[in-house]
Amino acid sequence: MEPAVIVLIVFGSCGAILWKFFDSRHKERMAMIDKGVSASELKGSLAFQPNALSSLKWGLLAFFAGLGVLFANYLDEVLDWGDASYPSMVLIFGGVSLIVFYAIAARKEKKS
């Protein structure tokens, strides 16, 4: 493909996504005005409540993804597995990290 076409597709896609986001937000606000609901009434019910375990999840994912890269590098250097080992090891170790996180979160939820 021509590079100009690719650039147009990328920026066109980003523009379409932004347009749809702002259009749907506008429609939502217009519906709120029609029903007589103020935005301040909804803010209390939709307030962002951070999850205490979110940092643990992302920390485990980053740690195990790093281990996956190190293990893939070892496999590439010692066993000559090639470059295909990198994405596969990152995904395998990342999946293991999410399973570990699930076990920790389930245990913590069971206690409380």
C-alpha atoms as a PDB file:
ATOM      1  CA  MET A   1       0.000   0.000   0.000  1.00  0.00           C
ATOM      2  CA  GLU A   2       1.006   3.557  -0.529  1.00  0.00           C
ATOM      3  CA  PRO A   3       2.260   5.326   2.591  1.00  0.00           C
ATOM      4  CA  ALA A   4      -0.183   8.183   2.021  1.00  0.00           C
ATOM      5  CA  VAL A   5      -3.129   5.777   2.081  1.00  0.00           C
ATOM      6  CA  ILE A   6      -1.924   4.249   5.339  1.00  0.00           C
ATOM      7  CA  VAL A   7      -1.552   7.684   6.932  1.00  0.00           C
ATOM      8  CA  LEU A   8      -5.051   8.641   5.775  1.00  0.00           C
ATOM      9  CA  ILE A   9      -6.497   5.419   7.189  1.00  0.00           C
ATOM     10  CA  VAL A  10      -4.789   5.910  10.560  1.00  0.00           C
ATOM     11  CA  PHE A  11      -5.802   9.548  10.980  1.00  0.00           C
ATOM     12  CA  GLY A  12      -9.255   8.900   9.534  1.00  0.00           C
ATOM     13  CA  SER A  13      -9.834   6.096  12.033  1.00  0.00           C
ATOM     14  CA  CYS A  14      -8.707   8.271  14.934  1.00  0.00           C
ATOM     15  CA  GLY A  15     -10.955  11.090  13.736  1.00  0.00           C
ATOM     16  CA  ALA A  16     -13.944   8.755  13.390  1.00  0.00           C
ATOM     17  CA  ILE A  17     -13.442   7.402  16.902  1.00  0.00           C
ATOM     18  CA  LEU A  18     -13.183  10.896  18.385  1.00  0.00           C
ATOM     19  CA  TRP A  19     -16.244  12.075  16.440  1.00  0.00           C
ATOM     20  CA  LYS A  20     -18.316   9.107  17.664  1.00  0.00           C
ATOM     21  CA  PHE A  21     -17.181   9.679  21.262  1.00  0.00           C
ATOM     22  CA  PHE A  22     -18.143  13.353  21.289  1.00  0.00           C
ATOM     23  CA  ASP A  23     -21.383  12.700  19.401  1.00  0.00           C
ATOM     24  CA  SER A  24     -22.531  10.045  21.874  1.00  0.00           C
ATOM     25  CA  ARG A  25     -21.554  12.262  24.820  1.00  0.00           C
ATOM     26  CA  HIS A  26     -23.606  15.095  23.342  1.00  0.00           C
ATOM     27  CA  LYS A  27     -26.622  12.823  22.851  1.00  0.00           C
ATOM     28  CA  GLU A  28     -26.335  11.592  26.429  1.00  0.00           C
ATOM     29  CA  ARG A  29     -26.240  15.135  27.779  1.00  0.00           C
ATOM     30  CA  MET A  30     -29.223  16.149  25.645  1.00  0.00           C
ATOM     31  CA  ALA A  31     -31.182  13.180  26.999  1.00  0.00           C
ATOM     32  CA  MET A  32     -30.298  14.261  30.556  1.00  0.00           C
ATOM     33  CA  ILE A  33     -31.562  17.775  29.854  1.00  0.00           C
ATOM     34  CA  ASP A  34     -34.799  16.392  28.377  1.00  0.00           C
ATOM     35  CA  LYS A  35     -35.454  14.316  31.487  1.00  0.00           C
ATOM     36  CA  GLY A  36     -34.573  17.163  33.829  1.00  0.00           C
ATOM     37  CA  VAL A  37     -31.629  15.425  35.460  1.00  0.00           C
ATOM     38  CA  SER A  38     -28.657  17.584  36.355  1.00  0.00           C
ATOM     39  CA  ALA A  39     -25.106  16.374  35.900  1.00  0.00           C
ATOM     40  CA  SER A  40     -24.306  16.969  39.577  1.00  0.00           C
ATOM     41  CA  GLU A  41     -26.950  14.374  40.581  1.00  0.00           C
ATOM     42  CA  LEU A  42     -25.285  11.737  38.432  1.00  0.00           C
ATOM     43  CA  LYS A  43     -21.735  12.528  39.519  1.00  0.00           C
ATOM     44  CA  GLY A  44     -22.277  11.085  42.989  1.00  0.00           C
ATOM     45  CA  SER A  45     -23.525   7.755  41.675  1.00  0.00           C
ATOM     46  CA  LEU A  46     -20.888   7.419  38.952  1.00  0.00           C
ATOM     47  CA  ALA A  47     -17.898   8.543  41.020  1.00  0.00           C
ATOM     48  CA  PHE A  48     -14.651   6.757  40.259  1.00  0.00           C
ATOM     49  CA  GLN A  49     -13.799   4.277  42.980  1.00  0.00           C
ATOM     50  CA  PRO A  50     -10.265   2.942  42.613  1.00  0.00           C
ATOM     51  CA  ASN A  51      -9.705  -0.751  43.081  1.00  0.00           C
ATOM     52  CA  ALA A  52      -7.041  -1.511  45.659  1.00  0.00           C
ATOM     53  CA  LEU A  53      -5.924  -4.611  43.764  1.00  0.00           C
ATOM     54  CA  SER A  54      -5.480  -2.815  40.439  1.00  0.00           C
ATOM     55  CA  SER A  55      -1.870  -1.887  41.200  1.00  0.00           C
ATOM     56  CA  LEU A  56      -1.131  -5.475  42.145  1.00  0.00           C
ATOM     57  CA  LYS A  57      -2.578  -6.730  38.863  1.00  0.00           C
ATOM     58  CA  TRP A  58      -0.558  -4.362  36.682  1.00  0.00           C
ATOM     59  CA  GLY A  59       2.588  -4.880  38.745  1.00  0.00           C
ATOM     60  CA  LEU A  60       2.335  -8.653  38.395  1.00  0.00           C
ATOM     61  CA  LEU A  61       1.662  -8.342  34.676  1.00  0.00           C
ATOM     62  CA  ALA A  62       4.708  -6.104  34.126  1.00  0.00           C
ATOM     63  CA  PHE A  63       6.941  -8.318  36.282  1.00  0.00           C
ATOM     64  CA  PHE A  64       5.941 -11.560  34.563  1.00  0.00           C
ATOM     65  CA  ALA A  65       6.114  -9.968  31.098  1.00  0.00           C
ATOM     66  CA  GLY A  66       9.693  -8.942  31.931  1.00  0.00           C
ATOM     67  CA  LEU A  67      10.435 -12.485  33.044  1.00  0.00           C
ATOM     68  CA  GLY A  68       8.954 -13.684  29.759  1.00  0.00           C
ATOM     69  CA  VAL A  69      11.343 -11.458  27.804  1.00  0.00           C
ATOM     70  CA  LEU A  70      14.313 -12.705  29.855  1.00  0.00           C
ATOM     71  CA  PHE A  71      13.276 -16.335  29.380  1.00  0.00           C
ATOM     72  CA  ALA A  72      12.740 -15.808  25.647  1.00  0.00           C
ATOM     73  CA  ASN A  73      16.187 -14.222  25.396  1.00  0.00           C
ATOM     74  CA  TYR A  74      17.639 -17.269  27.136  1.00  0.00           C
ATOM     75  CA  LEU A  75      15.817 -19.617  24.756  1.00  0.00           C
ATOM     76  CA  ASP A  76      16.978 -17.590  21.763  1.00  0.00           C
ATOM     77  CA  GLU A  77      20.623 -17.484  22.865  1.00  0.00           C
ATOM     78  CA  VAL A  78      21.073 -20.996  24.241  1.00  0.00           C
ATOM     79  CA  LEU A  79      18.613 -23.119  22.278  1.00  0.00           C
ATOM     80  CA  ASP A  80      18.445 -20.909  19.161  1.00  0.00           C
ATOM     81  CA  TRP A  81      14.635 -20.823  19.101  1.00  0.00           C
ATOM     82  CA  GLY A  82      14.518 -17.599  17.117  1.00  0.00           C
ATOM     83  CA  ASP A  83      12.469 -14.473  17.431  1.00  0.00           C
ATOM     84  CA  ALA A  84       9.134 -16.276  17.683  1.00  0.00           C
ATOM     85  CA  SER A  85       9.866 -17.134  21.300  1.00  0.00           C
ATOM     86  CA  TYR A  86       9.597 -13.482  22.431  1.00  0.00           C
ATOM     87  CA  PRO A  87       5.881 -12.802  21.918  1.00  0.00           C
ATOM     88  CA  SER A  88       4.944 -16.324  22.949  1.00  0.00           C
ATOM     89  CA  MET A  89       6.867 -16.161  26.235  1.00  0.00           C
ATOM     90  CA  VAL A  90       5.520 -12.675  27.037  1.00  0.00           C
ATOM     91  CA  LEU A  91       1.965 -13.896  26.475  1.00  0.00           C
ATOM     92  CA  ILE A  92       2.491 -17.122  28.431  1.00  0.00           C
ATOM     93  CA  PHE A  93       4.092 -15.366  31.397  1.00  0.00           C
ATOM     94  CA  GLY A  94       1.504 -12.566  31.213  1.00  0.00           C
ATOM     95  CA  GLY A  95      -1.274 -15.152  31.355  1.00  0.00           C
ATOM     96  CA  VAL A  96       0.362 -16.826  34.334  1.00  0.00           C
ATOM     97  CA  SER A  97       0.535 -13.455  36.086  1.00  0.00           C
ATOM     98  CA  LEU A  98      -3.202 -12.891  35.594  1.00  0.00           C
ATOM     99  CA  ILE A  99      -3.934 -16.371  36.972  1.00  0.00           C
ATOM    100  CA  VAL A 100      -1.764 -15.608  40.019  1.00  0.00           C
ATOM    101  CA  PHE A 101      -3.594 -12.295  40.453  1.00  0.00           C
ATOM    102  CA  TYR A 102      -6.957 -14.056  40.269  1.00  0.00           C
ATOM    103  CA  ALA A 103      -5.887 -16.499  42.992  1.00  0.00           C
ATOM    104  CA  ILE A 104      -4.701 -13.662  45.241  1.00  0.00           C
ATOM    105  CA  ALA A 105      -7.836 -11.571  44.652  1.00  0.00           C
ATOM    106  CA  ALA A 106     -10.149 -14.556  45.249  1.00  0.00           C
ATOM    107  CA  ARG A 107      -8.381 -15.380  48.504  1.00  0.00           C
ATOM    108  CA  LYS A 108      -8.586 -11.777  49.663  1.00  0.00           C
ATOM    109  CA  GLU A 109     -12.272 -11.527  48.734  1.00  0.00           C
ATOM    110  CA  LYS A 110     -12.997 -14.766  50.564  1.00  0.00           C
ATOM    111  CA  LYS A 111     -11.433 -13.383  53.758  1.00  0.00           C
ATOM    112  CA  SER A 112     -13.538 -10.233  53.699  1.00  0.00           C
END
